[in-house]
């Protein structure tokens, strides 16, 4: 292709840089979930030990609790673009490790390398998400565009979450594990090339924190104001009683749809469709909902709770899938809504640390919720259905109280 034509394409992509960056992030997300699926199959097929599958997911998510704070501090000190580019290179390196583990190792050594690759992806993705939340504010031309653009990432994430696993399975079956994981690693090149060659952010807008006590996480917590502190605390509490479905999804699918191999795929797809639908609604009404935190978060918690209570009722499978759709929509609105509110309304200088605090609320509450739900399922006489009823009841009370007390609150 002539150099002039390449230059024209590059200028067009730069002119529409928000869409370019969004699509690159979406393709990378789909590749990430495809790689996670391929790794999970390899770990189970090689050893037959379900603990390795659980460890693979834990190594992807648990580092967030430890790394989110430092990631936010580093983003605010060094600048979001620098941290974002470094995080993307780290994601590529971790994915390449998973790809080369197949031809150079076998048995327990291969399992260890695959788990190490997942750990690297988990740590690097925490820095990537934290820096990206602050970076997107440098891509919009007007402040009013930030809310809808932030909400768009929730939609693209859930689309990637929906498409990634089947893509990973098809690549694994058609090409084998090495090429499947190599293609997963290659998708990380897209956001790297986009950031290096196609972005023209408003770098002059970014405000960085100075060193010393002003750069600490606790300073951001203090300076964000009582309204945003309440948003973070409420999100953590809501996740504590309503965000256990990622950990219990296999059991929920088994009880609701039976032991068919397609049951888990169908169940998670329905939840993902609910998440995508909620993300689209939030994206189209971002300006309105970002100013009404009590209404948005209280309503999201109540919708999730109604889905849980609905699953506790004896009903046909179609009813259960409808309730799973509600749970997907409610939890997506809660998580994306919290991120939207804290990024739009926090001072620019602390947005990296606010993204870190948001991740701690999401995964801290969700992690404890998963453990609590598993314990209640084993302890209560009715098992999983009694767990749905108890946690759904608590979530309904929490959401209703938030709507009554904070439903009329408006942020400037």
Protein backbone atom coordinates (compact mmCIF):
# COMPACT_ATOMS: atom_id res chain seq x y z
CA UNK A 1 0.00 0.00 0.00
CA UNK A 2 1.47 3.43 -0.93
CA UNK A 3 2.86 5.53 1.89
CA UNK A 4 0.42 8.33 1.12
CA UNK A 5 -2.56 5.98 1.55
CA UNK A 6 -1.17 4.71 4.85
CA UNK A 7 -0.76 8.27 6.03
CA UNK A 8 -4.36 9.05 5.09
CA UNK A 9 -5.63 6.03 7.03
CA UNK A 10 -3.53 7.02 10.03
CA UNK A 11 -4.92 10.56 9.99
CA UNK A 12 -8.46 9.21 9.82
CA UNK A 13 -7.86 6.89 12.78
CA UNK A 14 -6.28 9.71 14.77
CA UNK A 15 -9.19 12.02 13.94
CA UNK A 16 -11.56 9.42 15.40
CA UNK A 17 -9.20 8.48 18.19
CA UNK A 18 -11.89 7.73 20.78
CA UNK A 19 -13.48 5.09 18.56
CA UNK A 20 -10.06 3.73 17.56
CA UNK A 21 -8.96 3.32 21.18
CA UNK A 22 -12.30 1.82 22.18
CA UNK A 23 -12.17 -0.82 19.43
CA UNK A 24 -8.53 -1.67 20.17
CA UNK A 25 -9.41 -2.15 23.85
CA UNK A 26 -12.40 -4.33 22.91
CA UNK A 27 -10.35 -6.63 20.70
CA UNK A 28 -7.72 -6.90 23.42
CA UNK A 29 -10.43 -7.78 25.97
CA UNK A 30 -11.84 -10.52 23.72
CA UNK A 31 -8.33 -11.89 23.26
CA UNK A 32 -7.76 -11.86 27.00
CA UNK A 33 -10.88 -13.92 27.70
CA UNK A 34 -10.03 -16.24 24.81
CA UNK A 35 -6.60 -16.83 26.32
CA UNK A 36 -8.06 -17.41 29.77
CA UNK A 37 -10.40 -20.04 28.32
CA UNK A 38 -7.55 -21.77 26.50
CA UNK A 39 -5.38 -21.79 29.63
CA UNK A 40 -8.22 -23.17 31.72
CA UNK A 41 -8.75 -26.03 29.28
CA UNK A 42 -5.02 -26.82 29.20
CA UNK A 43 -4.77 -26.86 32.99
CA UNK A 44 -7.78 -29.16 33.34
CA UNK A 45 -6.82 -31.42 30.42
CA UNK A 46 -3.24 -31.82 31.57
CA UNK A 47 -3.80 -32.69 35.23
CA UNK A 48 -7.52 -33.21 35.75
CA UNK A 49 -7.17 -31.13 38.94
CA UNK A 50 -10.02 -28.57 39.32
CA UNK A 51 -7.92 -26.72 41.92
CA UNK A 52 -5.63 -25.52 39.12
CA UNK A 53 -8.63 -23.99 37.35
CA UNK A 54 -9.63 -22.16 40.53
CA UNK A 55 -6.03 -21.05 41.07
CA UNK A 56 -5.89 -19.72 37.50
CA UNK A 57 -8.91 -17.46 38.11
CA UNK A 58 -7.69 -16.43 41.56
CA UNK A 59 -4.28 -15.37 40.19
CA UNK A 60 -6.08 -13.21 37.65
CA UNK A 61 -8.32 -11.38 40.13
CA UNK A 62 -6.82 -11.42 43.63
CA UNK A 63 -3.70 -9.31 42.84
CA UNK A 64 -6.08 -6.41 42.20
CA UNK A 65 -6.72 -6.06 45.92
CA UNK A 66 -3.01 -5.58 46.63
CA UNK A 67 -1.99 -3.68 43.50
CA UNK A 68 -4.89 -1.27 42.91
CA UNK A 69 -3.69 1.24 45.49
CA UNK A 70 -0.09 1.43 44.25
CA UNK A 71 -1.36 1.50 40.65
CA UNK A 72 -3.49 4.54 41.41
CA UNK A 73 -0.65 6.32 43.20
CA UNK A 74 1.76 5.65 40.31
CA UNK A 75 -0.78 6.81 37.72
CA UNK A 76 -1.30 10.12 39.48
CA UNK A 77 2.44 10.67 39.92
CA UNK A 78 3.88 9.57 36.56
CA UNK A 79 0.91 10.31 34.33
CA UNK A 80 -1.75 8.03 32.94
CA UNK A 81 -0.30 7.69 29.44
CA UNK A 82 3.11 6.50 30.63
CA UNK A 83 1.64 3.96 33.03
CA UNK A 84 -0.88 2.76 30.43
CA UNK A 85 1.78 2.09 27.79
CA UNK A 86 4.01 0.26 30.27
CA UNK A 87 1.07 -1.82 31.46
CA UNK A 88 0.26 -2.84 27.88
CA UNK A 89 3.84 -4.00 27.31
CA UNK A 90 3.65 -5.98 30.56
CA UNK A 91 0.39 -7.59 29.40
CA UNK A 92 2.05 -8.58 26.13
CA UNK A 93 5.05 -10.09 27.95
CA UNK A 94 2.80 -12.11 30.29
CA UNK A 95 0.70 -13.39 27.37
CA UNK A 96 3.84 -14.37 25.40
CA UNK A 97 5.02 -16.37 28.42
CA UNK A 98 1.80 -18.39 28.27
CA UNK A 99 2.25 -19.00 24.53
CA UNK A 100 5.87 -20.19 24.72
CA UNK A 101 5.12 -22.39 27.75
CA UNK A 102 3.45 -24.93 25.43
CA UNK A 103 6.44 -25.85 23.21
CA UNK A 104 9.20 -25.49 25.85
CA UNK A 105 7.65 -27.36 28.81
CA UNK A 106 5.27 -30.11 29.85
CA UNK A 107 3.53 -31.51 32.91
CA UNK A 108 3.85 -29.62 36.18
CA UNK A 109 6.42 -27.20 34.76
CA UNK A 110 3.99 -26.18 32.02
CA UNK A 111 1.20 -25.71 34.55
CA UNK A 112 3.47 -23.48 36.63
CA UNK A 113 4.38 -21.32 33.62
CA UNK A 114 0.74 -20.95 32.61
CA UNK A 115 -0.20 -19.89 36.14
CA UNK A 116 2.73 -17.46 36.22
CA UNK A 117 1.49 -16.00 32.93
CA UNK A 118 -1.98 -15.52 34.43
CA UNK A 119 -0.49 -13.82 37.50
CA UNK A 120 1.41 -11.42 35.23
CA UNK A 121 -1.77 -10.61 33.30
CA UNK A 122 -3.65 -10.05 36.57
CA UNK A 123 -1.07 -7.59 37.94
CA UNK A 124 -0.54 -5.74 34.65
CA UNK A 125 -4.28 -5.46 33.94
CA UNK A 126 -4.77 -3.70 37.28
CA UNK A 127 -2.32 -1.00 36.24
CA UNK A 128 -3.86 -0.90 32.75
CA UNK A 129 -7.42 -0.41 34.01
CA UNK A 130 -6.41 2.20 36.59
CA UNK A 131 -4.40 4.25 34.09
CA UNK A 132 -7.03 3.90 31.34
CA UNK A 133 -9.77 5.31 33.56
CA UNK A 134 -7.77 8.51 33.96
CA UNK A 135 -6.38 8.56 30.42
CA UNK A 136 -9.76 8.63 28.66
CA UNK A 137 -10.42 12.10 30.07
CA UNK A 138 -7.54 13.32 27.89
CA UNK A 139 -9.22 12.04 24.72
CA UNK A 140 -12.55 13.89 24.97
CA UNK A 141 -12.91 17.42 23.67
CA UNK A 142 -15.57 18.54 26.15
CA UNK A 143 -16.16 17.48 29.79
CA UNK A 144 -19.72 16.43 28.89
CA UNK A 145 -18.32 13.71 26.62
CA UNK A 146 -16.43 11.94 29.43
CA UNK A 147 -19.41 10.16 31.02
CA UNK A 148 -20.76 8.50 27.85
CA UNK A 149 -17.25 7.56 26.74
CA UNK A 150 -16.42 5.95 30.08
CA UNK A 151 -19.69 4.00 29.99
CA UNK A 152 -18.81 2.74 26.49
CA UNK A 153 -15.94 0.73 27.98
CA UNK A 154 -18.42 -1.22 30.09
CA UNK A 155 -20.27 -2.23 26.92
CA UNK A 156 -17.11 -3.18 25.05
CA UNK A 157 -15.78 -5.13 28.05
CA UNK A 158 -18.91 -7.25 28.33
CA UNK A 159 -19.01 -7.84 24.57
CA UNK A 160 -15.43 -9.10 24.81
CA UNK A 161 -16.40 -11.22 27.80
CA UNK A 162 -19.24 -12.72 25.75
CA UNK A 163 -17.24 -13.38 22.57
CA UNK A 164 -13.83 -14.24 24.03
CA UNK A 165 -14.51 -17.71 25.52
CA UNK A 166 -16.09 -19.23 22.39
CA UNK A 167 -13.32 -17.70 20.25
CA UNK A 168 -10.74 -19.26 22.56
CA UNK A 169 -12.45 -22.63 22.36
CA UNK A 170 -12.68 -22.54 18.57
CA UNK A 171 -9.03 -21.51 18.19
CA UNK A 172 -7.97 -24.24 20.58
CA UNK A 173 -9.89 -26.88 18.63
CA UNK A 174 -8.87 -25.62 15.19
CA UNK A 175 -5.23 -24.61 15.64
CA UNK A 176 -3.99 -26.10 18.90
CA UNK A 177 -2.88 -24.41 22.13
CA UNK A 178 0.32 -22.74 20.90
CA UNK A 179 -1.30 -20.76 18.08
CA UNK A 180 -4.39 -20.01 20.18
CA UNK A 181 -2.30 -18.43 22.95
CA UNK A 182 -0.05 -16.70 20.41
CA UNK A 183 -3.04 -15.04 18.79
CA UNK A 184 -4.20 -14.01 22.27
CA UNK A 185 -0.82 -12.35 22.87
CA UNK A 186 -0.95 -10.63 19.48
CA UNK A 187 -4.16 -8.81 20.39
CA UNK A 188 -2.20 -6.83 23.00
CA UNK A 189 -0.21 -5.27 20.17
CA UNK A 190 -3.32 -3.41 18.99
CA UNK A 191 -3.65 -1.04 21.98
CA UNK A 192 0.15 -0.62 22.08
CA UNK A 193 0.29 0.48 18.44
CA UNK A 194 -2.79 2.62 18.96
CA UNK A 195 -1.27 4.42 21.94
CA UNK A 196 2.11 4.94 20.28
CA UNK A 197 1.03 5.97 16.78
CA UNK A 198 -2.63 6.95 16.61
CA UNK A 199 -3.51 8.85 19.78
CA UNK A 200 -3.35 12.62 20.15
CA UNK A 201 -4.46 13.16 23.77
CA UNK A 202 -4.77 16.55 25.44
CA UNK A 203 -1.69 15.95 27.60
CA UNK A 204 -1.70 19.52 28.86
CA UNK A 205 -4.93 18.82 30.77
CA UNK A 206 -3.53 16.13 33.01
CA UNK A 207 -2.75 17.06 36.59
CA UNK A 208 -0.18 14.96 38.42
CA UNK A 209 0.30 14.68 42.14
CA UNK A 210 3.49 15.77 43.84
CA UNK A 211 5.52 13.43 46.01
CA UNK A 212 5.16 13.02 49.74
CA UNK A 213 1.95 12.70 51.70
CA UNK A 214 -0.09 14.40 48.97
CA UNK A 215 0.39 11.40 46.67
CA UNK A 216 -0.92 8.78 49.08
CA UNK A 217 -4.09 6.76 48.64
CA UNK A 218 -5.50 8.03 51.95
CA UNK A 219 -5.13 11.61 50.68
CA UNK A 220 -7.36 10.82 47.71
CA UNK A 221 -9.89 9.23 50.06
CA UNK A 222 -9.94 12.39 52.18
CA UNK A 223 -9.95 14.88 49.30
CA UNK A 224 -12.65 13.25 47.15
CA UNK A 225 -15.40 14.52 49.46
CA UNK A 226 -18.20 12.87 51.46
CA UNK A 227 -20.43 12.14 48.45
CA UNK A 228 -17.81 10.08 46.61
CA UNK A 229 -16.72 8.37 49.83
CA UNK A 230 -20.33 7.30 50.27
CA UNK A 231 -20.41 6.00 46.67
CA UNK A 232 -17.33 3.83 47.31
CA UNK A 233 -18.63 2.53 50.64
CA UNK A 234 -22.05 1.74 49.25
CA UNK A 235 -20.54 -0.05 46.24
CA UNK A 236 -18.45 -2.21 48.58
CA UNK A 237 -21.51 -3.10 50.68
CA UNK A 238 -23.65 -3.83 47.63
CA UNK A 239 -20.93 -6.09 46.17
CA UNK A 240 -20.71 -7.82 49.55
CA UNK A 241 -24.29 -9.13 49.24
CA UNK A 242 -24.81 -9.20 45.48
CA UNK A 243 -21.62 -9.84 43.51
CA UNK A 244 -21.04 -13.54 44.12
CA UNK A 245 -22.18 -14.91 40.75
CA UNK A 246 -18.70 -14.92 39.09
CA UNK A 247 -17.43 -17.42 41.65
CA UNK A 248 -20.59 -19.55 41.88
CA UNK A 249 -21.54 -19.46 38.18
CA UNK A 250 -20.71 -23.16 37.56
CA UNK A 251 -22.85 -24.23 40.53
CA UNK A 252 -25.67 -21.86 39.56
CA UNK A 253 -25.68 -23.21 36.01
CA UNK A 254 -25.67 -26.80 37.29
CA UNK A 255 -28.63 -26.25 39.61
CA UNK A 256 -30.61 -24.18 37.13
CA UNK A 257 -29.90 -25.89 33.79
CA UNK A 258 -28.39 -29.25 34.62
CA UNK A 259 -25.01 -30.90 34.01
CA UNK A 260 -24.90 -30.38 30.23
CA UNK A 261 -21.56 -29.00 28.94
CA UNK A 262 -23.51 -26.19 27.30
CA UNK A 263 -25.23 -25.16 30.54
CA UNK A 264 -22.43 -22.97 31.87
CA UNK A 265 -21.92 -21.31 28.49
CA UNK A 266 -25.62 -20.52 28.18
CA UNK A 267 -25.86 -19.22 31.75
CA UNK A 268 -22.81 -16.93 31.47
CA UNK A 269 -23.97 -15.72 28.05
CA UNK A 270 -27.34 -14.66 29.50
CA UNK A 271 -25.58 -12.78 32.32
CA UNK A 272 -23.28 -11.12 29.77
CA UNK A 273 -26.28 -10.08 27.64
CA UNK A 274 -27.82 -8.46 30.71
CA UNK A 275 -24.54 -6.64 31.37
CA UNK A 276 -24.31 -5.42 27.78
CA UNK A 277 -27.90 -4.16 27.81
CA UNK A 278 -27.33 -2.27 31.06
CA UNK A 279 -24.11 -0.81 29.69
CA UNK A 280 -25.87 0.51 26.59
CA UNK A 281 -28.61 2.16 28.69
CA UNK A 282 -26.00 3.70 31.00
CA UNK A 283 -23.92 4.94 28.06
CA UNK A 284 -26.90 6.70 26.50
CA UNK A 285 -27.89 8.37 29.79
CA UNK A 286 -24.46 8.87 31.35
CA UNK A 287 -24.82 12.60 31.95
CA UNK A 288 -28.09 12.15 33.83
CA UNK A 289 -27.13 9.09 35.90
CA UNK A 290 -23.68 10.35 36.87
CA UNK A 291 -25.39 13.20 38.75
CA UNK A 292 -27.80 10.88 40.59
CA UNK A 293 -25.59 8.39 42.49
CA UNK A 294 -28.25 7.34 44.98
CA UNK A 295 -30.78 6.61 42.26
CA UNK A 296 -28.31 4.78 40.01
CA UNK A 297 -26.55 2.64 42.62
CA UNK A 298 -29.62 2.03 44.79
CA UNK A 299 -31.65 1.01 41.74
CA UNK A 300 -28.85 -1.26 40.46
CA UNK A 301 -28.61 -3.00 43.84
CA UNK A 302 -32.38 -3.46 43.99
CA UNK A 303 -32.47 -4.96 40.47
CA UNK A 304 -29.72 -7.44 41.37
CA UNK A 305 -31.53 -8.37 44.58
CA UNK A 306 -34.81 -8.97 42.73
CA UNK A 307 -32.95 -11.30 40.39
CA UNK A 308 -31.54 -13.25 43.34
CA UNK A 309 -34.93 -13.44 45.03
CA UNK A 310 -36.46 -14.60 41.75
CA UNK A 311 -33.93 -17.44 41.51
CA UNK A 312 -34.94 -18.57 45.00
CA UNK A 313 -38.46 -19.29 43.75
CA UNK A 314 -39.36 -22.68 42.25
CA UNK A 315 -39.94 -21.86 38.59
CA UNK A 316 -39.16 -23.05 35.03
CA UNK A 317 -35.71 -22.64 33.50
CA UNK A 318 -36.88 -19.71 31.39
CA UNK A 319 -37.73 -17.80 34.54
CA UNK A 320 -34.31 -18.58 35.99
CA UNK A 321 -32.57 -17.31 32.86
CA UNK A 322 -34.64 -14.11 33.02
CA UNK A 323 -33.47 -13.63 36.60
CA UNK A 324 -29.87 -14.25 35.52
CA UNK A 325 -30.34 -11.48 32.94
CA UNK A 326 -31.46 -9.13 35.74
CA UNK A 327 -28.43 -10.06 37.85
CA UNK A 328 -26.11 -9.33 34.93
CA UNK A 329 -27.76 -5.98 34.28
CA UNK A 330 -27.86 -4.96 37.94
CA UNK A 331 -24.25 -5.79 38.75
CA UNK A 332 -22.96 -4.19 35.52
CA UNK A 333 -24.87 -0.97 36.32
CA UNK A 334 -23.47 -0.98 39.85
CA UNK A 335 -19.84 -1.44 38.83
CA UNK A 336 -19.86 0.75 35.72
CA UNK A 337 -21.99 3.36 37.48
CA UNK A 338 -19.61 3.60 40.41
CA UNK A 339 -16.65 4.03 38.07
CA UNK A 340 -18.56 6.62 36.05
CA UNK A 341 -19.49 8.70 39.11
CA UNK A 342 -16.07 8.72 40.75
CA UNK A 343 -14.22 9.55 37.52
CA UNK A 344 -16.55 12.31 36.37
CA UNK A 345 -16.83 14.03 39.76
CA UNK A 346 -13.39 13.50 41.31
CA UNK A 347 -10.68 16.16 40.87
CA UNK A 348 -8.44 15.27 37.93
CA UNK A 349 -5.33 15.00 40.05
CA UNK A 350 -6.69 12.08 42.11
CA UNK A 351 -8.56 10.12 39.44
CA UNK A 352 -5.92 7.40 39.24
CA UNK A 353 -6.19 6.72 42.95
CA UNK A 354 -9.98 6.90 42.77
CA UNK A 355 -9.90 4.18 40.10
CA UNK A 356 -7.78 2.10 42.47
CA UNK A 357 -10.22 2.63 45.33
CA UNK A 358 -13.08 1.64 43.03
CA UNK A 359 -11.38 -1.64 42.13
CA UNK A 360 -10.81 -2.40 45.80
CA UNK A 361 -14.52 -1.85 46.46
CA UNK A 362 -15.54 -4.05 43.52
CA UNK A 363 -13.28 -7.00 44.13
CA UNK A 364 -12.99 -6.68 47.88
CA UNK A 365 -16.74 -6.82 48.33
CA UNK A 366 -17.16 -9.35 45.54
CA UNK A 367 -14.43 -11.65 46.84
CA UNK A 368 -15.90 -11.76 50.32
CA UNK A 369 -19.38 -12.16 48.83
CA UNK A 370 -18.29 -15.26 46.93
CA UNK A 371 -16.85 -16.86 50.05
CA UNK A 372 -19.93 -15.95 52.10
CA UNK A 373 -22.28 -17.32 49.44
CA UNK A 374 -20.33 -20.58 49.28
CA UNK A 375 -20.50 -20.90 53.07
CA UNK A 376 -24.22 -20.15 53.19
CA UNK A 377 -24.88 -22.66 50.42
CA UNK A 378 -23.16 -25.38 52.43
CA UNK A 379 -24.68 -24.34 55.79
CA UNK A 380 -28.32 -23.44 55.03
CA UNK A 381 -30.87 -26.29 54.74
CA UNK A 382 -32.08 -25.12 51.35
CA UNK A 383 -28.58 -24.84 49.93
CA UNK A 384 -28.10 -22.47 46.99
CA UNK A 385 -31.74 -21.39 46.84
CA UNK A 386 -31.75 -20.35 50.51
CA UNK A 387 -28.52 -18.44 49.87
CA UNK A 388 -30.25 -16.54 47.05
CA UNK A 389 -33.17 -15.73 49.33
CA UNK A 390 -31.02 -14.49 52.23
CA UNK A 391 -28.55 -12.38 50.23
CA UNK A 392 -31.28 -11.18 47.89
CA UNK A 393 -33.33 -10.01 50.86
CA UNK A 394 -30.36 -8.14 52.32
CA UNK A 395 -29.64 -6.57 48.92
CA UNK A 396 -33.26 -5.48 48.51
CA UNK A 397 -33.20 -3.74 51.90
CA UNK A 398 -29.85 -2.10 51.12
CA UNK A 399 -31.03 -0.86 47.71
CA UNK A 400 -34.38 0.38 49.02
CA UNK A 401 -32.76 2.29 51.90
CA UNK A 402 -30.32 3.93 49.49
CA UNK A 403 -33.16 4.99 47.19
CA UNK A 404 -35.14 6.47 50.08
CA UNK A 405 -32.22 8.27 51.73
CA UNK A 406 -30.08 9.30 48.74
CA UNK A 407 -32.43 9.02 45.77
CA UNK A 408 -32.91 12.77 45.48
CA UNK A 409 -29.23 13.67 45.87
CA UNK A 410 -27.74 15.46 42.87
CA UNK A 411 -24.08 16.09 42.20
CA UNK A 412 -22.99 19.28 40.49
